[in-house]
Amino acid sequence: MDYSNPLGTEFREVRDVEHEGQPARAVEGSRVYPTGADDLWDALTNIERLPRWFLPISGDLKLGGRYQLEGNAGGTITRCDPPKRLDVTWEFGGNVSWVSVRVAPEDGGARLTLLHTMPKDEPAEEHWQTYGPGAVGVGWDLSFLGLGMHLTSGGEAVDREANEAWMGSGEGKAFLRASAESWGQAHAAAGENPEVAQAMAQRTGSAYCGE
């Protein structure tokens, strides 16, 4: 796999929203991939293909079914409109948030947009005040990166050992810090005090770098 020009999301946005009538925060990222919408959708939803770039997944992968990502979140599939939109609950560590994935054709490829919505309640709020949007944003940047490698390598699986080694390298840590900083900039653009957003981003970058 080529890590010489890593790229996560191309566009980032942070905003306050409502979810089912309750105040929430939304973190959104998007990127255009050099493939068709059908192929992108398949990479996102095919139970045999997902482990090649993301995580092994099990469950009843249909509307209303439950899914479980190995060692990570699980939840319920609440909307499935192939090849355009997939909505799921994101249940991890006793907390529930919501993830919406949208796919749309675009000149030269297909755009993936991911929206992660989190409630404004404890302990989610305490975590947000410490790390800000980068806490989830950096993780999604890494997922977008893995997906891009998978799609541009002819569908090969990402080498997890090589990936972990890269993340621990100087280049990998630079990517993690740059991702956190970019989410901090998006946070400031959404109205957060720039110094506060920067401090959150620095804590996030340090956490992902294991410092």
N, C-alpha and C. Protein backbone atom coordinates (compact mmCIF):
# COMPACT_ATOMS: atom_id res chain seq x y z
N MET A 1 0.83 -1.19 0.00
CA MET A 1 0.00 0.00 0.00
C MET A 1 0.87 1.26 0.00
N ASP A 2 0.42 2.28 -0.69
CA ASP A 2 1.20 3.51 -0.84
C ASP A 2 0.73 4.55 0.17
N TYR A 3 1.62 4.87 1.12
CA TYR A 3 1.31 5.88 2.14
C TYR A 3 1.99 7.22 1.83
N SER A 4 2.52 7.37 0.62
CA SER A 4 3.29 8.56 0.30
C SER A 4 2.42 9.81 0.21
N ASN A 5 1.14 9.64 -0.08
CA ASN A 5 0.25 10.80 -0.21
C ASN A 5 -1.08 10.50 0.47
N PRO A 6 -1.08 10.32 1.81
CA PRO A 6 -2.30 9.91 2.50
C PRO A 6 -3.36 11.00 2.46
N LEU A 7 -4.61 10.56 2.38
CA LEU A 7 -5.73 11.49 2.31
C LEU A 7 -6.93 10.90 3.02
N GLY A 8 -7.48 11.63 3.97
CA GLY A 8 -8.70 11.19 4.63
C GLY A 8 -9.88 11.87 3.95
N THR A 9 -10.61 12.67 4.71
CA THR A 9 -11.70 13.43 4.12
C THR A 9 -11.15 14.67 3.43
N GLU A 10 -11.86 15.14 2.42
CA GLU A 10 -11.48 16.36 1.71
C GLU A 10 -12.24 17.57 2.23
N PHE A 11 -13.43 17.32 2.77
CA PHE A 11 -14.28 18.41 3.25
C PHE A 11 -14.76 18.06 4.65
N ARG A 12 -14.68 19.01 5.57
CA ARG A 12 -15.08 18.78 6.96
C ARG A 12 -16.02 19.89 7.41
N GLU A 13 -17.02 19.51 8.19
CA GLU A 13 -17.95 20.51 8.74
C GLU A 13 -18.41 20.05 10.12
N VAL A 14 -18.56 21.01 11.01
CA VAL A 14 -19.05 20.76 12.36
C VAL A 14 -20.24 21.69 12.58
N ARG A 15 -21.32 21.18 13.12
CA ARG A 15 -22.48 22.05 13.35
C ARG A 15 -23.38 21.50 14.45
N ASP A 16 -24.16 22.39 15.04
CA ASP A 16 -25.19 22.01 15.99
C ASP A 16 -26.45 21.63 15.22
N VAL A 17 -27.10 20.55 15.65
CA VAL A 17 -28.30 20.07 14.98
C VAL A 17 -29.29 19.59 16.04
N GLU A 18 -30.40 19.08 15.58
CA GLU A 18 -31.35 18.37 16.43
C GLU A 18 -31.50 16.95 15.92
N HIS A 19 -31.62 16.02 16.85
CA HIS A 19 -31.91 14.64 16.48
C HIS A 19 -33.10 14.18 17.30
N GLU A 20 -34.17 13.87 16.59
CA GLU A 20 -35.43 13.45 17.23
C GLU A 20 -35.86 14.46 18.29
N GLY A 21 -35.71 15.75 17.93
CA GLY A 21 -36.17 16.82 18.79
C GLY A 21 -35.24 17.21 19.92
N GLN A 22 -34.08 16.56 20.00
CA GLN A 22 -33.13 16.84 21.08
C GLN A 22 -31.86 17.48 20.51
N PRO A 23 -31.22 18.39 21.26
CA PRO A 23 -30.00 19.03 20.77
C PRO A 23 -28.89 18.02 20.58
N ALA A 24 -28.13 18.20 19.51
CA ALA A 24 -27.05 17.27 19.19
C ALA A 24 -25.96 18.01 18.44
N ARG A 25 -24.84 17.33 18.25
CA ARG A 25 -23.72 17.86 17.47
C ARG A 25 -23.47 16.94 16.29
N ALA A 26 -23.12 17.52 15.15
CA ALA A 26 -22.88 16.73 13.95
C ALA A 26 -21.48 17.00 13.41
N VAL A 27 -20.81 15.94 13.05
CA VAL A 27 -19.49 15.99 12.41
C VAL A 27 -19.64 15.36 11.04
N GLU A 28 -19.30 16.11 9.99
CA GLU A 28 -19.50 15.61 8.62
C GLU A 28 -18.21 15.69 7.82
N GLY A 29 -17.94 14.63 7.09
CA GLY A 29 -16.78 14.61 6.20
C GLY A 29 -17.17 14.01 4.87
N SER A 30 -16.50 14.44 3.79
CA SER A 30 -16.81 13.88 2.48
C SER A 30 -15.55 13.83 1.63
N ARG A 31 -15.60 12.98 0.62
CA ARG A 31 -14.48 12.80 -0.30
C ARG A 31 -14.98 12.16 -1.58
N VAL A 32 -14.40 12.56 -2.71
CA VAL A 32 -14.71 11.93 -3.99
C VAL A 32 -13.69 10.83 -4.26
N TYR A 33 -14.19 9.65 -4.60
CA TYR A 33 -13.33 8.51 -4.93
C TYR A 33 -13.41 8.22 -6.43
N PRO A 34 -12.31 7.74 -7.01
CA PRO A 34 -12.29 7.47 -8.45
C PRO A 34 -12.92 6.13 -8.80
N THR A 35 -14.21 6.01 -8.52
CA THR A 35 -14.95 4.80 -8.85
C THR A 35 -16.41 5.16 -9.03
N GLY A 36 -17.22 4.22 -9.48
CA GLY A 36 -18.64 4.48 -9.66
C GLY A 36 -19.41 4.38 -8.36
N ALA A 37 -20.60 4.94 -8.34
CA ALA A 37 -21.42 4.93 -7.13
C ALA A 37 -21.76 3.50 -6.70
N ASP A 38 -22.03 2.62 -7.65
CA ASP A 38 -22.38 1.24 -7.31
C ASP A 38 -21.20 0.52 -6.65
N ASP A 39 -19.99 0.75 -7.16
CA ASP A 39 -18.81 0.11 -6.58
C ASP A 39 -18.53 0.67 -5.19
N LEU A 40 -18.67 1.97 -5.02
CA LEU A 40 -18.47 2.58 -3.72
C LEU A 40 -19.47 2.04 -2.71
N TRP A 41 -20.72 1.94 -3.12
CA TRP A 41 -21.76 1.40 -2.25
C TRP A 41 -21.42 -0.04 -1.85
N ASP A 42 -20.95 -0.82 -2.80
CA ASP A 42 -20.61 -2.21 -2.51
C ASP A 42 -19.47 -2.29 -1.50
N ALA A 43 -18.48 -1.42 -1.65
CA ALA A 43 -17.36 -1.41 -0.70
C ALA A 43 -17.82 -1.07 0.71
N LEU A 44 -18.87 -0.27 0.81
CA LEU A 44 -19.38 0.17 2.11
C LEU A 44 -20.32 -0.82 2.77
N THR A 45 -20.92 -1.72 1.97
CA THR A 45 -22.01 -2.55 2.51
C THR A 45 -21.82 -4.04 2.32
N ASN A 46 -20.84 -4.46 1.55
CA ASN A 46 -20.62 -5.88 1.28
C ASN A 46 -19.91 -6.51 2.48
N ILE A 47 -20.55 -7.52 3.10
CA ILE A 47 -20.02 -8.11 4.32
C ILE A 47 -18.66 -8.78 4.10
N GLU A 48 -18.38 -9.20 2.86
CA GLU A 48 -17.10 -9.82 2.56
C GLU A 48 -16.03 -8.78 2.20
N ARG A 49 -16.48 -7.63 1.76
CA ARG A 49 -15.54 -6.59 1.32
C ARG A 49 -15.15 -5.62 2.43
N LEU A 50 -16.05 -5.36 3.36
CA LEU A 50 -15.78 -4.40 4.44
C LEU A 50 -14.50 -4.71 5.22
N PRO A 51 -14.22 -5.98 5.55
CA PRO A 51 -13.01 -6.25 6.31
C PRO A 51 -11.72 -5.95 5.55
N ARG A 52 -11.79 -5.80 4.23
CA ARG A 52 -10.59 -5.52 3.46
C ARG A 52 -10.04 -4.12 3.75
N TRP A 53 -10.91 -3.20 4.18
CA TRP A 53 -10.43 -1.82 4.41
C TRP A 53 -10.90 -1.25 5.74
N PHE A 54 -11.91 -1.88 6.38
CA PHE A 54 -12.46 -1.32 7.61
C PHE A 54 -12.29 -2.32 8.74
N LEU A 55 -13.35 -3.06 9.09
CA LEU A 55 -13.31 -4.03 10.17
C LEU A 55 -14.19 -5.23 9.81
N PRO A 56 -13.88 -6.40 10.33
CA PRO A 56 -14.80 -7.54 10.18
C PRO A 56 -16.15 -7.18 10.78
N ILE A 57 -17.21 -7.60 10.11
CA ILE A 57 -18.56 -7.26 10.55
C ILE A 57 -19.44 -8.50 10.53
N SER A 58 -20.34 -8.58 11.48
CA SER A 58 -21.28 -9.69 11.55
C SER A 58 -22.67 -9.14 11.83
N GLY A 59 -23.67 -10.00 11.65
CA GLY A 59 -25.03 -9.60 11.96
C GLY A 59 -25.99 -9.80 10.81
N ASP A 60 -27.16 -9.25 10.96
CA ASP A 60 -28.22 -9.36 9.96
C ASP A 60 -28.23 -8.04 9.18
N LEU A 61 -27.46 -8.00 8.10
CA LEU A 61 -27.23 -6.74 7.41
C LEU A 61 -28.36 -6.41 6.44
N LYS A 62 -29.47 -6.00 7.01
CA LYS A 62 -30.63 -5.54 6.25
C LYS A 62 -31.39 -4.54 7.10
N LEU A 63 -32.35 -3.86 6.50
CA LEU A 63 -33.13 -2.86 7.22
C LEU A 63 -33.74 -3.47 8.47
N GLY A 64 -33.49 -2.82 9.61
CA GLY A 64 -33.99 -3.31 10.88
C GLY A 64 -33.10 -4.32 11.56
N GLY A 65 -32.07 -4.79 10.85
CA GLY A 65 -31.17 -5.79 11.41
C GLY A 65 -30.11 -5.17 12.30
N ARG A 66 -29.45 -6.02 13.07
CA ARG A 66 -28.36 -5.59 13.94
C ARG A 66 -27.02 -5.96 13.30
N TYR A 67 -26.03 -5.09 13.50
CA TYR A 67 -24.68 -5.36 13.02
C TYR A 67 -23.71 -5.23 14.19
N GLN A 68 -22.54 -5.84 14.05
CA GLN A 68 -21.49 -5.68 15.04
C GLN A 68 -20.14 -5.65 14.35
N LEU A 69 -19.39 -4.56 14.56
CA LEU A 69 -18.03 -4.44 14.06
C LEU A 69 -17.08 -5.04 15.09
N GLU A 70 -16.17 -5.87 14.64
CA GLU A 70 -15.28 -6.57 15.56
C GLU A 70 -14.46 -5.58 16.38
N GLY A 71 -14.60 -5.66 17.71
CA GLY A 71 -13.84 -4.81 18.60
C GLY A 71 -14.24 -3.35 18.59
N ASN A 72 -15.42 -3.05 18.02
CA ASN A 72 -15.81 -1.65 17.89
C ASN A 72 -17.32 -1.52 18.09
N ALA A 73 -17.95 -0.64 17.37
CA ALA A 73 -19.36 -0.34 17.58
C ALA A 73 -20.27 -1.40 16.96
N GLY A 74 -21.49 -1.43 17.45
CA GLY A 74 -22.57 -2.20 16.87
C GLY A 74 -23.79 -1.31 16.81
N GLY A 75 -24.89 -1.86 16.33
CA GLY A 75 -26.10 -1.05 16.28
C GLY A 75 -27.15 -1.64 15.38
N THR A 76 -28.11 -0.80 15.02
CA THR A 76 -29.25 -1.19 14.19
C THR A 76 -29.23 -0.42 12.88
N ILE A 77 -29.54 -1.10 11.79
CA ILE A 77 -29.65 -0.46 10.47
C ILE A 77 -31.05 0.15 10.38
N THR A 78 -31.13 1.47 10.38
CA THR A 78 -32.42 2.16 10.44
C THR A 78 -32.90 2.67 9.08
N ARG A 79 -31.98 2.72 8.09
CA ARG A 79 -32.37 3.12 6.74
C ARG A 79 -31.39 2.52 5.74
N CYS A 80 -31.90 2.01 4.64
CA CYS A 80 -31.04 1.43 3.62
C CYS A 80 -31.68 1.67 2.26
N ASP A 81 -31.12 2.61 1.50
CA ASP A 81 -31.61 2.97 0.17
C ASP A 81 -30.49 2.80 -0.84
N PRO A 82 -30.22 1.55 -1.29
CA PRO A 82 -29.12 1.33 -2.24
C PRO A 82 -29.36 2.07 -3.54
N PRO A 83 -28.32 2.61 -4.17
CA PRO A 83 -26.95 2.77 -3.66
C PRO A 83 -26.70 4.19 -3.17
N LYS A 84 -27.64 4.73 -2.39
CA LYS A 84 -27.58 6.15 -2.05
C LYS A 84 -27.36 6.45 -0.57
N ARG A 85 -28.04 5.72 0.32
CA ARG A 85 -27.98 6.13 1.72
C ARG A 85 -28.13 4.94 2.66
N LEU A 86 -27.31 4.99 3.72
CA LEU A 86 -27.36 4.00 4.79
C LEU A 86 -27.29 4.73 6.12
N ASP A 87 -28.25 4.47 7.01
CA ASP A 87 -28.27 5.06 8.34
C ASP A 87 -28.22 3.94 9.38
N VAL A 88 -27.39 4.14 10.42
CA VAL A 88 -27.29 3.15 11.49
C VAL A 88 -27.17 3.86 12.83
N THR A 89 -27.57 3.16 13.88
CA THR A 89 -27.20 3.62 15.22
C THR A 89 -25.77 3.17 15.46
N TRP A 90 -25.05 3.95 16.25
CA TRP A 90 -23.63 3.68 16.53
C TRP A 90 -23.51 3.54 18.04
N GLU A 91 -23.47 2.30 18.51
CA GLU A 91 -23.53 2.01 19.94
C GLU A 91 -22.17 1.49 20.39
N PHE A 92 -21.52 2.26 21.27
CA PHE A 92 -20.17 1.90 21.70
C PHE A 92 -19.93 2.44 23.10
N GLY A 93 -19.40 1.60 23.97
CA GLY A 93 -19.05 2.03 25.32
C GLY A 93 -20.23 2.53 26.13
N GLY A 94 -21.41 2.00 25.86
CA GLY A 94 -22.61 2.43 26.59
C GLY A 94 -23.25 3.69 26.04
N ASN A 95 -22.67 4.29 25.00
CA ASN A 95 -23.21 5.50 24.39
C ASN A 95 -23.84 5.19 23.04
N VAL A 96 -24.84 5.95 22.68
CA VAL A 96 -25.52 5.79 21.40
C VAL A 96 -25.42 7.09 20.61
N SER A 97 -24.93 6.99 19.38
CA SER A 97 -24.94 8.11 18.44
C SER A 97 -25.45 7.56 17.11
N TRP A 98 -25.36 8.37 16.05
CA TRP A 98 -25.99 7.97 14.79
C TRP A 98 -25.08 8.31 13.63
N VAL A 99 -24.96 7.37 12.70
CA VAL A 99 -24.11 7.56 11.53
C VAL A 99 -24.94 7.41 10.28
N SER A 100 -24.79 8.37 9.38
CA SER A 100 -25.48 8.35 8.09
C SER A 100 -24.43 8.43 6.98
N VAL A 101 -24.50 7.49 6.04
CA VAL A 101 -23.58 7.45 4.92
C VAL A 101 -24.36 7.70 3.64
N ARG A 102 -23.86 8.63 2.82
CA ARG A 102 -24.54 8.94 1.55
C ARG A 102 -23.55 8.83 0.40
N VAL A 103 -24.02 8.27 -0.70
CA VAL A 103 -23.20 8.09 -1.90
C VAL A 103 -23.89 8.79 -3.07
N ALA A 104 -23.13 9.55 -3.84
CA ALA A 104 -23.71 10.27 -4.99
C ALA A 104 -22.69 10.31 -6.13
N PRO A 105 -23.14 10.09 -7.35
CA PRO A 105 -22.22 10.21 -8.50
C PRO A 105 -21.70 11.64 -8.61
N GLU A 106 -20.46 11.75 -9.06
CA GLU A 106 -19.86 13.06 -9.28
C GLU A 106 -18.88 12.93 -10.43
N ASP A 107 -18.62 14.03 -11.12
CA ASP A 107 -17.70 13.98 -12.26
C ASP A 107 -16.40 13.29 -11.87
N GLY A 108 -16.07 12.25 -12.59
CA GLY A 108 -14.82 11.55 -12.33
C GLY A 108 -14.89 10.51 -11.23
N GLY A 109 -16.05 10.30 -10.64
CA GLY A 109 -16.14 9.31 -9.58
C GLY A 109 -17.44 9.36 -8.81
N ALA A 110 -17.34 9.12 -7.51
CA ALA A 110 -18.51 9.13 -6.64
C ALA A 110 -18.12 9.75 -5.30
N ARG A 111 -19.02 10.54 -4.74
CA ARG A 111 -18.74 11.22 -3.47
C ARG A 111 -19.35 10.43 -2.32
N LEU A 112 -18.52 10.20 -1.32
CA LEU A 112 -18.97 9.63 -0.05
C LEU A 112 -19.09 10.76 0.97
N THR A 113 -20.24 10.87 1.61
CA THR A 113 -20.45 11.83 2.69
C THR A 113 -20.88 11.06 3.92
N LEU A 114 -20.18 11.28 5.02
CA LEU A 114 -20.49 10.60 6.27
C LEU A 114 -20.84 11.64 7.33
N LEU A 115 -21.97 11.45 7.96
CA LEU A 115 -22.45 12.34 9.02
C LEU A 115 -22.56 11.55 10.31
N HIS A 116 -21.82 11.99 11.33
CA HIS A 116 -21.88 11.34 12.65
C HIS A 116 -22.50 12.33 13.63
N THR A 117 -23.65 11.98 14.17
CA THR A 117 -24.42 12.86 15.05
C THR A 117 -24.37 12.32 16.47
N MET A 118 -24.04 13.21 17.42
CA MET A 118 -23.88 12.82 18.82
C MET A 118 -24.78 13.65 19.71
N PRO A 119 -25.38 13.04 20.72
CA PRO A 119 -26.26 13.80 21.61
C PRO A 119 -25.46 14.75 22.49
N LYS A 120 -26.10 15.82 22.91
CA LYS A 120 -25.49 16.75 23.86
C LYS A 120 -25.89 16.33 25.28
N ASP A 121 -25.35 15.22 25.72
CA ASP A 121 -25.64 14.77 27.08
C ASP A 121 -24.37 14.17 27.68
N GLU A 122 -24.44 13.87 28.96
CA GLU A 122 -23.29 13.24 29.62
C GLU A 122 -23.34 11.74 29.35
N PRO A 123 -22.16 11.06 29.17
CA PRO A 123 -20.82 11.62 29.21
C PRO A 123 -20.34 12.15 27.86
N ALA A 124 -21.21 12.11 26.83
CA ALA A 124 -20.78 12.57 25.50
C ALA A 124 -20.32 14.02 25.54
N GLU A 125 -21.01 14.86 26.32
CA GLU A 125 -20.66 16.27 26.38
C GLU A 125 -19.29 16.48 27.04
N GLU A 126 -19.01 15.73 28.08
CA GLU A 126 -17.71 15.85 28.76
C GLU A 126 -16.59 15.48 27.80
N HIS A 127 -16.80 14.42 27.04
CA HIS A 127 -15.80 13.98 26.07
C HIS A 127 -15.59 15.05 25.01
N TRP A 128 -16.70 15.64 24.54
CA TRP A 128 -16.62 16.68 23.52
C TRP A 128 -15.83 17.88 24.03
N GLN A 129 -16.11 18.30 25.25
CA GLN A 129 -15.43 19.48 25.80
C GLN A 129 -13.93 19.25 25.96
N THR A 130 -13.51 17.99 26.03
CA THR A 130 -12.09 17.68 26.13
C THR A 130 -11.42 17.61 24.77
N TYR A 131 -12.06 16.90 23.82
CA TYR A 131 -11.41 16.58 22.56
C TYR A 131 -12.06 17.24 21.33
N GLY A 132 -13.31 17.66 21.43
CA GLY A 132 -13.96 18.27 20.28
C GLY A 132 -14.25 17.27 19.17
N PRO A 133 -14.49 17.76 17.97
CA PRO A 133 -14.93 16.90 16.87
C PRO A 133 -13.87 15.92 16.38
N GLY A 134 -12.60 16.21 16.64
CA GLY A 134 -11.55 15.32 16.18
C GLY A 134 -11.59 13.96 16.82
N ALA A 135 -12.24 13.83 17.98
CA ALA A 135 -12.31 12.54 18.65
C ALA A 135 -12.90 11.48 17.75
N VAL A 136 -13.94 11.85 17.00
CA VAL A 136 -14.50 10.91 16.01
C VAL A 136 -13.96 11.21 14.62
N GLY A 137 -13.67 12.49 14.36
CA GLY A 137 -13.25 12.88 13.02
C GLY A 137 -11.96 12.23 12.56
N VAL A 138 -10.97 12.11 13.46
CA VAL A 138 -9.70 11.51 13.08
C VAL A 138 -9.91 10.03 12.74
N GLY A 139 -10.75 9.36 13.52
CA GLY A 139 -11.05 7.96 13.22
C GLY A 139 -11.69 7.78 11.86
N TRP A 140 -12.59 8.68 11.52
CA TRP A 140 -13.23 8.59 10.21
C TRP A 140 -12.24 8.95 9.11
N ASP A 141 -11.32 9.88 9.37
CA ASP A 141 -10.28 10.17 8.38
C ASP A 141 -9.47 8.91 8.08
N LEU A 142 -9.12 8.15 9.11
CA LEU A 142 -8.39 6.91 8.90
C LEU A 142 -9.21 5.91 8.09
N SER A 143 -10.51 5.88 8.33
CA SER A 143 -11.38 4.97 7.57
C SER A 143 -11.46 5.41 6.11
N PHE A 144 -11.59 6.71 5.88
CA PHE A 144 -11.61 7.22 4.50
C PHE A 144 -10.29 6.90 3.80
N LEU A 145 -9.19 6.98 4.54
CA LEU A 145 -7.88 6.66 3.99
C LEU A 145 -7.82 5.19 3.58
N GLY A 146 -8.24 4.30 4.47
CA GLY A 146 -8.23 2.88 4.16
C GLY A 146 -9.11 2.54 2.97
N LEU A 147 -10.28 3.17 2.90
CA LEU A 147 -11.18 2.94 1.78
C LEU A 147 -10.55 3.39 0.47
N GLY A 148 -9.88 4.54 0.50
CA GLY A 148 -9.21 5.03 -0.70
C GLY A 148 -8.13 4.08 -1.18
N MET A 149 -7.35 3.54 -0.26
CA MET A 149 -6.31 2.58 -0.63
C MET A 149 -6.92 1.32 -1.24
N HIS A 150 -8.01 0.86 -0.65
CA HIS A 150 -8.69 -0.32 -1.16
C HIS A 150 -9.21 -0.10 -2.58
N LEU A 151 -9.83 1.05 -2.80
CA LEU A 151 -10.44 1.32 -4.10
C LEU A 151 -9.40 1.55 -5.20
N THR A 152 -8.27 2.12 -4.84
CA THR A 152 -7.26 2.44 -5.85
C THR A 152 -6.23 1.33 -6.05
N SER A 153 -6.39 0.23 -5.31
CA SER A 153 -5.46 -0.89 -5.45
C SER A 153 -6.11 -2.08 -6.13
N GLY A 154 -7.25 -1.85 -6.78
CA GLY A 154 -7.94 -2.95 -7.43
C GLY A 154 -8.71 -3.83 -6.48
N GLY A 155 -9.06 -3.30 -5.31
CA GLY A 155 -9.86 -4.06 -4.35
C GLY A 155 -9.05 -4.88 -3.38
N GLU A 156 -7.73 -4.65 -3.31
CA GLU A 156 -6.90 -5.40 -2.37
C GLU A 156 -7.24 -5.03 -0.93
N ALA A 157 -6.94 -5.95 -0.03
CA ALA A 157 -7.13 -5.69 1.39
C ALA A 157 -6.00 -4.83 1.91
N VAL A 158 -6.31 -3.92 2.80
CA VAL A 158 -5.28 -3.10 3.45
C VAL A 158 -4.48 -4.00 4.38
N ASP A 159 -3.17 -3.90 4.32
CA ASP A 159 -2.28 -4.67 5.18
C ASP A 159 -2.32 -4.06 6.58
N ARG A 160 -2.97 -4.74 7.52
CA ARG A 160 -3.18 -4.15 8.84
C ARG A 160 -1.88 -3.98 9.61
N GLU A 161 -0.95 -4.91 9.46
CA GLU A 161 0.33 -4.76 10.15
C GLU A 161 1.10 -3.56 9.61
N ALA A 162 1.11 -3.42 8.28
CA ALA A 162 1.78 -2.27 7.68
C ALA A 162 1.08 -0.97 8.08
N ASN A 163 -0.24 -1.03 8.17
CA ASN A 163 -1.01 0.15 8.55
C ASN A 163 -0.66 0.60 9.97
N GLU A 164 -0.60 -0.37 10.90
CA GLU A 164 -0.26 -0.05 12.28
C GLU A 164 1.16 0.49 12.39
N ALA A 165 2.07 -0.10 11.61
CA ALA A 165 3.45 0.38 11.63
C ALA A 165 3.53 1.81 11.10
N TRP A 166 2.77 2.11 10.05
CA TRP A 166 2.76 3.46 9.49
C TRP A 166 2.21 4.46 10.50
N MET A 167 1.13 4.09 11.22
CA MET A 167 0.54 5.00 12.19
C MET A 167 1.51 5.34 13.32
N GLY A 168 2.43 4.42 13.62
CA GLY A 168 3.41 4.68 14.65
C GLY A 168 4.65 5.39 14.15
N SER A 169 4.74 5.59 12.85
CA SER A 169 5.89 6.27 12.26
C SER A 169 5.73 7.78 12.33
N GLY A 170 6.80 8.48 11.98
CA GLY A 170 6.72 9.94 11.95
C GLY A 170 5.68 10.43 10.96
N GLU A 171 5.63 9.79 9.77
CA GLU A 171 4.65 10.20 8.76
C GLU A 171 3.22 9.95 9.25
N GLY A 172 3.02 8.79 9.88
CA GLY A 172 1.69 8.47 10.37
C GLY A 172 1.23 9.43 11.44
N LYS A 173 2.13 9.75 12.37
CA LYS A 173 1.77 10.68 13.44
C LYS A 173 1.51 12.08 12.88
N ALA A 174 2.25 12.45 11.84
CA ALA A 174 2.01 13.74 11.21
C ALA A 174 0.61 13.77 10.60
N PHE A 175 0.19 12.64 9.99
CA PHE A 175 -1.16 12.55 9.44
C PHE A 175 -2.20 12.72 10.54
N LEU A 176 -2.01 12.02 11.66
CA LEU A 176 -2.97 12.08 12.76
C LEU A 176 -3.07 13.50 13.32
N ARG A 177 -1.94 14.16 13.49
CA ARG A 177 -1.97 15.53 14.01
C ARG A 177 -2.60 16.49 13.01
N ALA A 178 -2.29 16.30 11.72
CA ALA A 178 -2.88 17.17 10.70
C ALA A 178 -4.39 16.97 10.63
N SER A 179 -4.82 15.73 10.78
CA SER A 179 -6.26 15.45 10.78
C SER A 179 -6.93 16.16 11.96
N ALA A 180 -6.35 16.00 13.15
CA ALA A 180 -6.91 16.65 14.34
C ALA A 180 -6.95 18.16 14.17
N GLU A 181 -5.87 18.73 13.62
CA GLU A 181 -5.81 20.18 13.40
C GLU A 181 -6.89 20.63 12.42
N SER A 182 -7.11 19.83 11.36
CA SER A 182 -8.13 20.19 10.37
C SER A 182 -9.52 20.18 10.98
N TRP A 183 -9.77 19.21 11.86
CA TRP A 183 -11.08 19.20 12.54
C TRP A 183 -11.19 20.38 13.50
N GLY A 184 -10.07 20.76 14.09
CA GLY A 184 -10.10 21.95 14.93
C GLY A 184 -10.42 23.20 14.14
N GLN A 185 -9.88 23.30 12.94
CA GLN A 185 -10.18 24.45 12.08
C GLN A 185 -11.66 24.46 11.68
N ALA A 186 -12.21 23.27 11.39
CA ALA A 186 -13.64 23.19 11.06
C ALA A 186 -14.48 23.59 12.27
N HIS A 187 -14.01 23.22 13.45
CA HIS A 187 -14.72 23.57 14.69
C HIS A 187 -14.73 25.09 14.87
N ALA A 188 -13.57 25.72 14.66
CA ALA A 188 -13.50 27.17 14.78
C ALA A 188 -14.37 27.86 13.74
N ALA A 189 -14.41 27.30 12.52
CA ALA A 189 -15.24 27.87 11.47
C ALA A 189 -16.72 27.78 11.82
N ALA A 190 -17.07 26.81 12.69
CA ALA A 190 -18.46 26.65 13.10
C ALA A 190 -18.83 27.57 14.26
N GLY A 191 -17.84 28.33 14.77
CA GLY A 191 -18.16 29.31 15.81
C GLY A 191 -17.46 29.10 17.14
N GLU A 192 -16.71 27.99 17.30
CA GLU A 192 -15.98 27.79 18.54
C GLU A 192 -14.82 28.77 18.63
N ASN A 193 -14.48 29.19 19.86
CA ASN A 193 -13.32 30.04 20.06
C ASN A 193 -12.09 29.35 19.46
N PRO A 194 -11.35 30.03 18.57
CA PRO A 194 -10.22 29.37 17.90
C PRO A 194 -9.19 28.78 18.86
N GLU A 195 -8.91 29.47 19.97
CA GLU A 195 -7.93 28.95 20.93
C GLU A 195 -8.46 27.69 21.60
N VAL A 196 -9.75 27.68 21.91
CA VAL A 196 -10.37 26.49 22.52
C VAL A 196 -10.35 25.33 21.54
N ALA A 197 -10.72 25.61 20.29
CA ALA A 197 -10.74 24.57 19.26
C ALA A 197 -9.34 24.01 19.04
N GLN A 198 -8.34 24.88 19.04
CA GLN A 198 -6.97 24.44 18.83
C GLN A 198 -6.50 23.55 19.99
N ALA A 199 -6.85 23.94 21.21
CA ALA A 199 -6.44 23.14 22.37
C ALA A 199 -7.09 21.76 22.33
N MET A 200 -8.36 21.70 21.95
CA MET A 200 -9.04 20.40 21.80
C MET A 200 -8.33 19.55 20.75
N ALA A 201 -7.98 20.19 19.63
CA ALA A 201 -7.32 19.46 18.54
C ALA A 201 -5.96 18.93 18.97
N GLN A 202 -5.23 19.71 19.75
CA GLN A 202 -3.93 19.26 20.22
C GLN A 202 -4.06 18.06 21.15
N ARG A 203 -5.07 18.08 22.02
CA ARG A 203 -5.29 16.95 22.92
C ARG A 203 -5.69 15.70 22.12
N THR A 204 -6.50 15.92 21.09
CA THR A 204 -6.91 14.79 20.25
C THR A 204 -5.73 14.19 19.51
N GLY A 205 -4.91 15.05 18.91
CA GLY A 205 -3.73 14.56 18.19
C GLY A 205 -2.80 13.80 19.10
N SER A 206 -2.58 14.29 20.29
CA SER A 206 -1.71 13.61 21.25
C SER A 206 -2.28 12.26 21.64
N ALA A 207 -3.59 12.21 21.85
CA ALA A 207 -4.23 10.95 22.23
C ALA A 207 -4.09 9.90 21.13
N TYR A 208 -4.32 10.30 19.88
CA TYR A 208 -4.20 9.35 18.78
C TYR A 208 -2.75 8.92 18.56
N CYS A 209 -1.81 9.77 18.91
CA CYS A 209 -0.39 9.44 18.76
C CYS A 209 0.14 8.67 19.97
N GLY A 210 -0.73 8.43 20.96
CA GLY A 210 -0.33 7.67 22.13
C GLY A 210 0.57 8.43 23.06
N GLU A 211 0.37 9.75 23.11
CA GLU A 211 1.23 10.59 23.97
C GLU A 211 0.42 11.19 25.12
